[in-house]
């Protein structure tokens, strides 16, 4: 999946502009990198297009909080990032995770989601929902 395809898919799912989709995508992927192992983040980054892979390839921050936080806390951490308010985070986190599932292999996505609380799965559209097609295999 190319960078613009990823952003367009998020924009369509979240019903936001492509600029907002790019912002919430980067914020969500950065927050995700704080929640999963560094190795898993690198595995996902390897499969993402340039411009998104770097969101997962960053040094761990001192304020990193692992999987003890629930989904609502995760959305708030996305909303706390520059240029993202709570409404954009609420609208965008699920679409970013759904699009991520399409952009990487099923095994890599499942390995990442397995490191998160089960409530994260509720934010991800079922395969085939919303007219999207699975691009990763």
N, C-alpha and C. Protein backbone atom coordinates (compact mmCIF):
# COMPACT_ATOMS: atom_id res chain seq x y z
N UNK A 1 0.86 -1.18 0.00
CA UNK A 1 0.00 0.00 0.00
C UNK A 1 0.90 1.23 0.00
N UNK A 2 0.60 2.18 -0.83
CA UNK A 2 1.35 3.43 -0.91
C UNK A 2 0.87 4.40 0.17
N UNK A 3 1.72 5.38 0.47
CA UNK A 3 1.40 6.37 1.50
C UNK A 3 0.05 7.03 1.26
N UNK A 4 -0.16 7.55 0.04
CA UNK A 4 -1.40 8.29 -0.22
C UNK A 4 -2.61 7.37 -0.17
N UNK A 5 -2.47 6.12 -0.56
CA UNK A 5 -3.58 5.16 -0.45
C UNK A 5 -3.97 4.95 1.01
N UNK A 6 -2.97 4.84 1.87
CA UNK A 6 -3.22 4.66 3.30
C UNK A 6 -3.98 5.88 3.84
N UNK A 7 -3.49 7.08 3.55
CA UNK A 7 -4.10 8.31 4.05
C UNK A 7 -5.51 8.47 3.49
N UNK A 8 -5.69 8.20 2.21
CA UNK A 8 -7.03 8.30 1.61
C UNK A 8 -8.00 7.33 2.27
N UNK A 9 -7.56 6.12 2.57
CA UNK A 9 -8.43 5.14 3.22
C UNK A 9 -8.83 5.62 4.61
N UNK A 10 -7.89 6.18 5.36
CA UNK A 10 -8.22 6.71 6.69
C UNK A 10 -9.20 7.88 6.56
N UNK A 11 -8.93 8.77 5.62
CA UNK A 11 -9.81 9.93 5.43
C UNK A 11 -11.24 9.50 5.11
N UNK A 12 -11.37 8.51 4.24
CA UNK A 12 -12.69 8.02 3.86
C UNK A 12 -13.39 7.37 5.05
N UNK A 13 -12.69 6.52 5.76
CA UNK A 13 -13.29 5.83 6.91
C UNK A 13 -13.66 6.80 8.03
N UNK A 14 -12.78 7.76 8.30
CA UNK A 14 -12.99 8.69 9.42
C UNK A 14 -13.86 9.89 9.03
N UNK A 15 -14.08 10.04 7.72
CA UNK A 15 -14.84 11.18 7.21
C UNK A 15 -14.19 12.50 7.61
N UNK A 16 -12.87 12.56 7.35
CA UNK A 16 -12.08 13.76 7.62
C UNK A 16 -11.27 14.09 6.37
N UNK A 17 -10.67 15.29 6.36
CA UNK A 17 -9.82 15.68 5.23
C UNK A 17 -8.56 14.82 5.20
N UNK A 18 -7.89 14.83 4.06
CA UNK A 18 -6.65 14.06 3.96
C UNK A 18 -5.57 14.64 4.89
N UNK A 19 -5.56 15.96 5.07
CA UNK A 19 -4.61 16.55 6.02
C UNK A 19 -4.87 16.06 7.43
N UNK A 20 -6.14 16.03 7.84
CA UNK A 20 -6.48 15.53 9.17
C UNK A 20 -6.16 14.04 9.27
N UNK A 21 -6.42 13.30 8.20
CA UNK A 21 -6.12 11.87 8.20
C UNK A 21 -4.63 11.62 8.37
N UNK A 22 -3.80 12.40 7.70
CA UNK A 22 -2.35 12.25 7.83
C UNK A 22 -1.91 12.54 9.27
N UNK A 23 -2.48 13.58 9.86
CA UNK A 23 -2.13 13.96 11.23
C UNK A 23 -2.53 12.88 12.22
N UNK A 24 -3.77 12.40 12.13
CA UNK A 24 -4.23 11.40 13.09
C UNK A 24 -3.56 10.05 12.84
N UNK A 25 -3.19 9.77 11.61
CA UNK A 25 -2.46 8.53 11.32
C UNK A 25 -1.11 8.53 11.99
N UNK A 26 -0.37 9.60 11.82
CA UNK A 26 0.96 9.68 12.44
C UNK A 26 0.83 9.60 13.97
N UNK A 27 -0.11 10.33 14.54
CA UNK A 27 -0.29 10.33 15.99
C UNK A 27 -0.68 8.95 16.51
N UNK A 28 -1.55 8.26 15.79
CA UNK A 28 -1.98 6.92 16.21
C UNK A 28 -0.84 5.93 16.12
N UNK A 29 -0.09 5.96 15.04
CA UNK A 29 1.03 5.03 14.90
C UNK A 29 2.11 5.30 15.95
N UNK A 30 2.36 6.57 16.27
CA UNK A 30 3.34 6.90 17.31
C UNK A 30 2.85 6.38 18.67
N UNK A 31 1.58 6.55 18.96
CA UNK A 31 1.02 6.05 20.22
C UNK A 31 1.07 4.52 20.25
N UNK A 32 0.80 3.89 19.11
CA UNK A 32 0.87 2.44 19.03
C UNK A 32 2.29 1.95 19.31
N UNK A 33 3.29 2.67 18.78
CA UNK A 33 4.68 2.28 19.01
C UNK A 33 5.03 2.32 20.50
N UNK A 34 4.34 3.16 21.26
CA UNK A 34 4.56 3.22 22.69
C UNK A 34 3.92 2.05 23.42
N UNK A 35 3.01 1.35 22.77
CA UNK A 35 2.22 0.31 23.43
C UNK A 35 2.62 -1.11 23.08
N UNK A 36 3.39 -1.27 22.03
CA UNK A 36 3.80 -2.62 21.62
C UNK A 36 5.31 -2.73 21.73
N UNK A 37 5.81 -3.94 21.65
CA UNK A 37 7.26 -4.13 21.76
C UNK A 37 7.99 -3.43 20.61
N UNK A 38 9.23 -3.07 20.87
CA UNK A 38 10.04 -2.42 19.84
C UNK A 38 10.20 -3.32 18.63
N UNK A 39 10.37 -4.61 18.85
CA UNK A 39 10.51 -5.55 17.73
C UNK A 39 9.25 -5.62 16.89
N UNK A 40 8.10 -5.64 17.55
CA UNK A 40 6.83 -5.68 16.81
C UNK A 40 6.61 -4.38 16.05
N UNK A 41 6.95 -3.26 16.66
CA UNK A 41 6.83 -1.97 15.98
C UNK A 41 7.71 -1.94 14.73
N UNK A 42 8.91 -2.48 14.84
CA UNK A 42 9.82 -2.53 13.69
C UNK A 42 9.25 -3.44 12.60
N UNK A 43 8.67 -4.57 12.99
CA UNK A 43 8.07 -5.47 12.00
C UNK A 43 6.94 -4.79 11.23
N UNK A 44 6.11 -4.02 11.93
CA UNK A 44 5.04 -3.28 11.26
C UNK A 44 5.62 -2.18 10.37
N UNK A 45 6.60 -1.46 10.90
CA UNK A 45 7.21 -0.35 10.16
C UNK A 45 7.79 -0.84 8.84
N UNK A 46 8.40 -2.01 8.85
CA UNK A 46 9.01 -2.58 7.66
C UNK A 46 7.99 -2.74 6.53
N UNK A 47 6.72 -2.95 6.87
CA UNK A 47 5.69 -3.19 5.86
C UNK A 47 4.92 -1.92 5.48
N UNK A 48 5.20 -0.81 6.14
CA UNK A 48 4.48 0.43 5.83
C UNK A 48 5.27 1.27 4.84
N UNK A 49 4.56 2.13 4.10
CA UNK A 49 5.25 2.99 3.14
C UNK A 49 6.07 4.07 3.84
N UNK A 50 7.05 4.60 3.11
CA UNK A 50 7.81 5.74 3.61
C UNK A 50 6.87 6.86 3.98
N UNK A 51 7.20 7.55 5.05
CA UNK A 51 6.34 8.60 5.56
C UNK A 51 5.47 8.12 6.71
N UNK A 52 5.29 6.81 6.81
CA UNK A 52 4.54 6.25 7.93
C UNK A 52 5.42 5.32 8.76
N UNK A 53 6.37 4.68 8.12
CA UNK A 53 7.23 3.73 8.83
C UNK A 53 7.99 4.39 9.97
N UNK A 54 8.40 5.65 9.79
CA UNK A 54 9.17 6.34 10.82
C UNK A 54 8.36 6.59 12.08
N UNK A 55 7.05 6.58 12.00
CA UNK A 55 6.20 6.77 13.18
C UNK A 55 6.38 5.62 14.17
N UNK A 56 6.69 4.47 13.66
CA UNK A 56 6.88 3.29 14.50
C UNK A 56 8.35 3.06 14.86
N UNK A 57 9.23 3.74 14.15
CA UNK A 57 10.68 3.59 14.39
C UNK A 57 11.20 4.81 15.14
N UNK A 58 11.01 4.82 16.43
CA UNK A 58 11.49 5.95 17.21
C UNK A 58 11.99 5.44 18.56
N UNK A 59 12.87 6.17 19.17
CA UNK A 59 13.32 5.75 20.49
C UNK A 59 12.16 5.81 21.47
N UNK A 60 12.16 4.91 22.41
CA UNK A 60 11.11 4.91 23.42
C UNK A 60 11.24 6.16 24.27
N UNK A 61 10.10 6.77 24.54
CA UNK A 61 10.09 7.97 25.36
C UNK A 61 10.05 7.60 26.83
N UNK A 62 10.48 8.52 27.67
CA UNK A 62 10.48 8.29 29.11
C UNK A 62 9.07 8.10 29.65
N UNK A 63 8.09 8.76 29.05
CA UNK A 63 6.72 8.67 29.57
C UNK A 63 5.94 7.51 28.97
N UNK A 64 6.65 6.59 28.34
CA UNK A 64 6.00 5.46 27.69
C UNK A 64 5.15 4.67 28.70
N UNK A 65 3.96 4.34 28.28
CA UNK A 65 3.06 3.52 29.10
C UNK A 65 2.66 2.33 28.24
N UNK A 66 2.91 1.15 28.73
CA UNK A 66 2.60 -0.06 27.96
C UNK A 66 1.13 -0.41 28.07
N UNK A 67 0.80 -1.64 27.83
CA UNK A 67 -0.56 -2.10 27.64
C UNK A 67 -1.46 -1.99 28.86
N UNK A 68 -1.01 -1.39 29.94
CA UNK A 68 -1.88 -1.25 31.10
C UNK A 68 -3.01 -0.25 30.84
N UNK A 69 -2.83 0.63 29.87
CA UNK A 69 -3.87 1.60 29.55
C UNK A 69 -4.90 0.99 28.61
N UNK A 70 -6.15 1.35 28.82
CA UNK A 70 -7.22 0.87 27.96
C UNK A 70 -7.34 1.70 26.70
N UNK A 71 -8.35 1.35 25.91
CA UNK A 71 -8.55 2.02 24.62
C UNK A 71 -8.84 3.51 24.78
N UNK A 72 -9.69 3.87 25.73
CA UNK A 72 -10.01 5.30 25.93
C UNK A 72 -8.77 6.10 26.30
N UNK A 73 -7.90 5.51 27.11
CA UNK A 73 -6.65 6.19 27.46
C UNK A 73 -5.75 6.33 26.23
N UNK A 74 -5.76 5.30 25.38
CA UNK A 74 -4.98 5.35 24.15
C UNK A 74 -5.48 6.50 23.26
N UNK A 75 -6.79 6.61 23.09
CA UNK A 75 -7.36 7.69 22.28
C UNK A 75 -6.97 9.04 22.87
N UNK A 76 -7.00 9.15 24.19
CA UNK A 76 -6.61 10.42 24.83
C UNK A 76 -5.15 10.73 24.58
N UNK A 77 -4.29 9.72 24.59
CA UNK A 77 -2.87 9.95 24.29
C UNK A 77 -2.69 10.42 22.85
N UNK A 78 -3.50 9.91 21.94
CA UNK A 78 -3.47 10.40 20.55
C UNK A 78 -3.92 11.86 20.52
N UNK A 79 -5.00 12.15 21.26
CA UNK A 79 -5.54 13.52 21.29
C UNK A 79 -4.58 14.51 21.95
N UNK A 80 -3.69 14.03 22.78
CA UNK A 80 -2.72 14.90 23.45
C UNK A 80 -1.58 15.32 22.53
N UNK A 81 -1.48 14.73 21.37
CA UNK A 81 -0.40 15.05 20.45
C UNK A 81 -0.72 16.36 19.70
N UNK A 82 0.32 17.04 19.22
CA UNK A 82 0.10 18.31 18.51
C UNK A 82 -0.84 18.14 17.32
N UNK A 83 -1.71 19.10 17.14
CA UNK A 83 -2.63 19.17 15.99
C UNK A 83 -3.73 18.11 16.00
N UNK A 84 -3.91 17.40 17.11
CA UNK A 84 -4.97 16.40 17.20
C UNK A 84 -5.84 16.74 18.41
N UNK A 85 -7.13 16.99 18.17
CA UNK A 85 -8.03 17.19 19.29
C UNK A 85 -8.80 15.90 19.56
N UNK A 86 -9.60 15.89 20.61
CA UNK A 86 -10.29 14.66 21.00
C UNK A 86 -11.25 14.19 19.91
N UNK A 87 -11.93 15.13 19.24
CA UNK A 87 -12.88 14.74 18.19
C UNK A 87 -12.16 14.03 17.04
N UNK A 88 -11.00 14.55 16.63
CA UNK A 88 -10.25 13.92 15.55
C UNK A 88 -9.71 12.56 16.01
N UNK A 89 -9.24 12.48 17.23
CA UNK A 89 -8.75 11.20 17.75
C UNK A 89 -9.89 10.18 17.80
N UNK A 90 -11.05 10.61 18.30
CA UNK A 90 -12.21 9.70 18.36
C UNK A 90 -12.59 9.20 16.97
N UNK A 91 -12.56 10.10 15.99
CA UNK A 91 -12.95 9.75 14.62
C UNK A 91 -11.89 8.91 13.92
N UNK A 92 -10.61 9.13 14.26
CA UNK A 92 -9.55 8.57 13.45
C UNK A 92 -8.85 7.32 13.93
N UNK A 93 -8.82 7.05 15.22
CA UNK A 93 -8.03 5.92 15.72
C UNK A 93 -8.50 4.60 15.12
N UNK A 94 -9.78 4.33 15.16
CA UNK A 94 -10.31 3.08 14.59
C UNK A 94 -9.99 2.95 13.10
N UNK A 95 -10.27 3.99 12.30
CA UNK A 95 -9.91 3.91 10.88
C UNK A 95 -8.42 3.70 10.63
N UNK A 96 -7.55 4.29 11.45
CA UNK A 96 -6.11 4.07 11.27
C UNK A 96 -5.78 2.61 11.54
N UNK A 97 -6.31 2.05 12.63
CA UNK A 97 -6.03 0.65 12.96
C UNK A 97 -6.60 -0.29 11.90
N UNK A 98 -7.78 0.04 11.38
CA UNK A 98 -8.39 -0.79 10.33
C UNK A 98 -7.53 -0.74 9.07
N UNK A 99 -7.06 0.43 8.70
CA UNK A 99 -6.23 0.58 7.51
C UNK A 99 -4.88 -0.08 7.71
N UNK A 100 -4.35 0.00 8.91
CA UNK A 100 -3.09 -0.70 9.22
C UNK A 100 -3.26 -2.19 8.98
N UNK A 101 -4.39 -2.74 9.38
CA UNK A 101 -4.64 -4.17 9.17
C UNK A 101 -4.57 -4.52 7.69
N UNK A 102 -5.05 -3.61 6.83
CA UNK A 102 -5.03 -3.86 5.39
C UNK A 102 -3.64 -3.68 4.78
N UNK A 103 -2.79 -2.89 5.45
CA UNK A 103 -1.49 -2.53 4.87
C UNK A 103 -0.38 -3.52 5.22
N UNK A 104 -0.59 -4.32 6.23
CA UNK A 104 0.45 -5.27 6.66
C UNK A 104 -0.11 -6.69 6.60
N UNK A 105 0.77 -7.65 6.77
CA UNK A 105 0.30 -9.04 6.74
C UNK A 105 -0.58 -9.33 7.96
N UNK A 106 -1.45 -10.28 7.79
CA UNK A 106 -2.36 -10.65 8.88
C UNK A 106 -1.60 -11.05 10.13
N UNK A 107 -0.56 -11.85 9.96
CA UNK A 107 0.21 -12.31 11.12
C UNK A 107 0.84 -11.14 11.89
N UNK A 108 1.43 -10.20 11.18
CA UNK A 108 2.05 -9.05 11.86
C UNK A 108 1.00 -8.22 12.58
N UNK A 109 -0.15 -8.01 11.94
CA UNK A 109 -1.20 -7.24 12.58
C UNK A 109 -1.71 -7.95 13.83
N UNK A 110 -1.96 -9.25 13.71
CA UNK A 110 -2.46 -10.02 14.85
C UNK A 110 -1.45 -10.04 15.98
N UNK A 111 -0.17 -10.14 15.66
CA UNK A 111 0.87 -10.11 16.69
C UNK A 111 0.88 -8.78 17.43
N UNK A 112 0.67 -7.70 16.71
CA UNK A 112 0.63 -6.38 17.35
C UNK A 112 -0.61 -6.23 18.23
N UNK A 113 -1.76 -6.59 17.69
CA UNK A 113 -3.02 -6.44 18.44
C UNK A 113 -3.03 -7.35 19.66
N UNK A 114 -2.35 -8.47 19.59
CA UNK A 114 -2.29 -9.38 20.74
C UNK A 114 -1.60 -8.73 21.94
N UNK A 115 -0.81 -7.70 21.71
CA UNK A 115 -0.12 -6.99 22.79
C UNK A 115 -0.98 -5.89 23.40
N UNK A 116 -2.18 -5.70 22.87
CA UNK A 116 -3.08 -4.64 23.33
C UNK A 116 -4.27 -5.25 24.07
N UNK A 117 -4.93 -4.46 24.93
CA UNK A 117 -6.15 -4.95 25.57
C UNK A 117 -7.20 -5.34 24.51
N UNK A 118 -8.04 -6.32 24.85
CA UNK A 118 -9.04 -6.83 23.90
C UNK A 118 -9.97 -5.75 23.38
N UNK A 119 -10.22 -4.69 24.15
CA UNK A 119 -11.14 -3.65 23.72
C UNK A 119 -10.68 -2.92 22.45
N UNK A 120 -9.40 -3.02 22.10
CA UNK A 120 -8.91 -2.40 20.87
C UNK A 120 -9.57 -3.02 19.64
N UNK A 121 -9.85 -4.30 19.72
CA UNK A 121 -10.47 -4.99 18.57
C UNK A 121 -11.83 -4.40 18.21
N UNK A 122 -12.52 -3.85 19.18
CA UNK A 122 -13.85 -3.27 18.93
C UNK A 122 -13.77 -2.03 18.05
N UNK A 123 -12.62 -1.38 18.01
CA UNK A 123 -12.46 -0.17 17.20
C UNK A 123 -12.09 -0.47 15.76
N UNK A 124 -11.78 -1.72 15.48
CA UNK A 124 -11.33 -2.12 14.14
C UNK A 124 -12.51 -2.70 13.37
N UNK A 125 -12.75 -2.15 12.17
CA UNK A 125 -13.84 -2.66 11.34
C UNK A 125 -13.61 -4.13 11.02
N UNK A 126 -14.67 -4.92 11.02
CA UNK A 126 -14.51 -6.31 10.57
C UNK A 126 -14.03 -6.34 9.12
N UNK A 127 -13.30 -7.38 8.75
CA UNK A 127 -12.84 -7.52 7.38
C UNK A 127 -14.05 -7.48 6.47
N UNK A 128 -13.98 -6.67 5.42
CA UNK A 128 -15.07 -6.56 4.46
C UNK A 128 -16.08 -5.48 4.79
N UNK A 129 -16.02 -4.88 5.98
CA UNK A 129 -16.96 -3.82 6.34
C UNK A 129 -16.56 -2.53 5.65
N UNK A 130 -17.52 -1.71 5.35
CA UNK A 130 -17.26 -0.41 4.78
C UNK A 130 -16.75 -0.43 3.35
N UNK A 131 -16.85 -1.55 2.70
CA UNK A 131 -16.46 -1.61 1.29
C UNK A 131 -14.96 -1.66 1.07
N UNK A 132 -14.17 -1.69 2.15
CA UNK A 132 -12.72 -1.75 1.98
C UNK A 132 -12.29 -3.13 1.54
N UNK A 133 -11.15 -3.21 0.90
CA UNK A 133 -10.66 -4.52 0.49
C UNK A 133 -9.33 -4.78 1.19
N UNK A 134 -9.07 -5.99 1.46
CA UNK A 134 -7.83 -6.36 2.15
C UNK A 134 -6.67 -6.30 1.16
N UNK A 135 -5.69 -5.45 1.46
CA UNK A 135 -4.56 -5.29 0.55
C UNK A 135 -3.37 -6.13 0.98
N UNK A 136 -3.21 -6.37 2.28
CA UNK A 136 -2.12 -7.20 2.75
C UNK A 136 -2.55 -8.66 2.72
N UNK A 137 -1.60 -9.58 2.81
CA UNK A 137 -1.99 -10.99 2.83
C UNK A 137 -1.27 -11.71 3.93
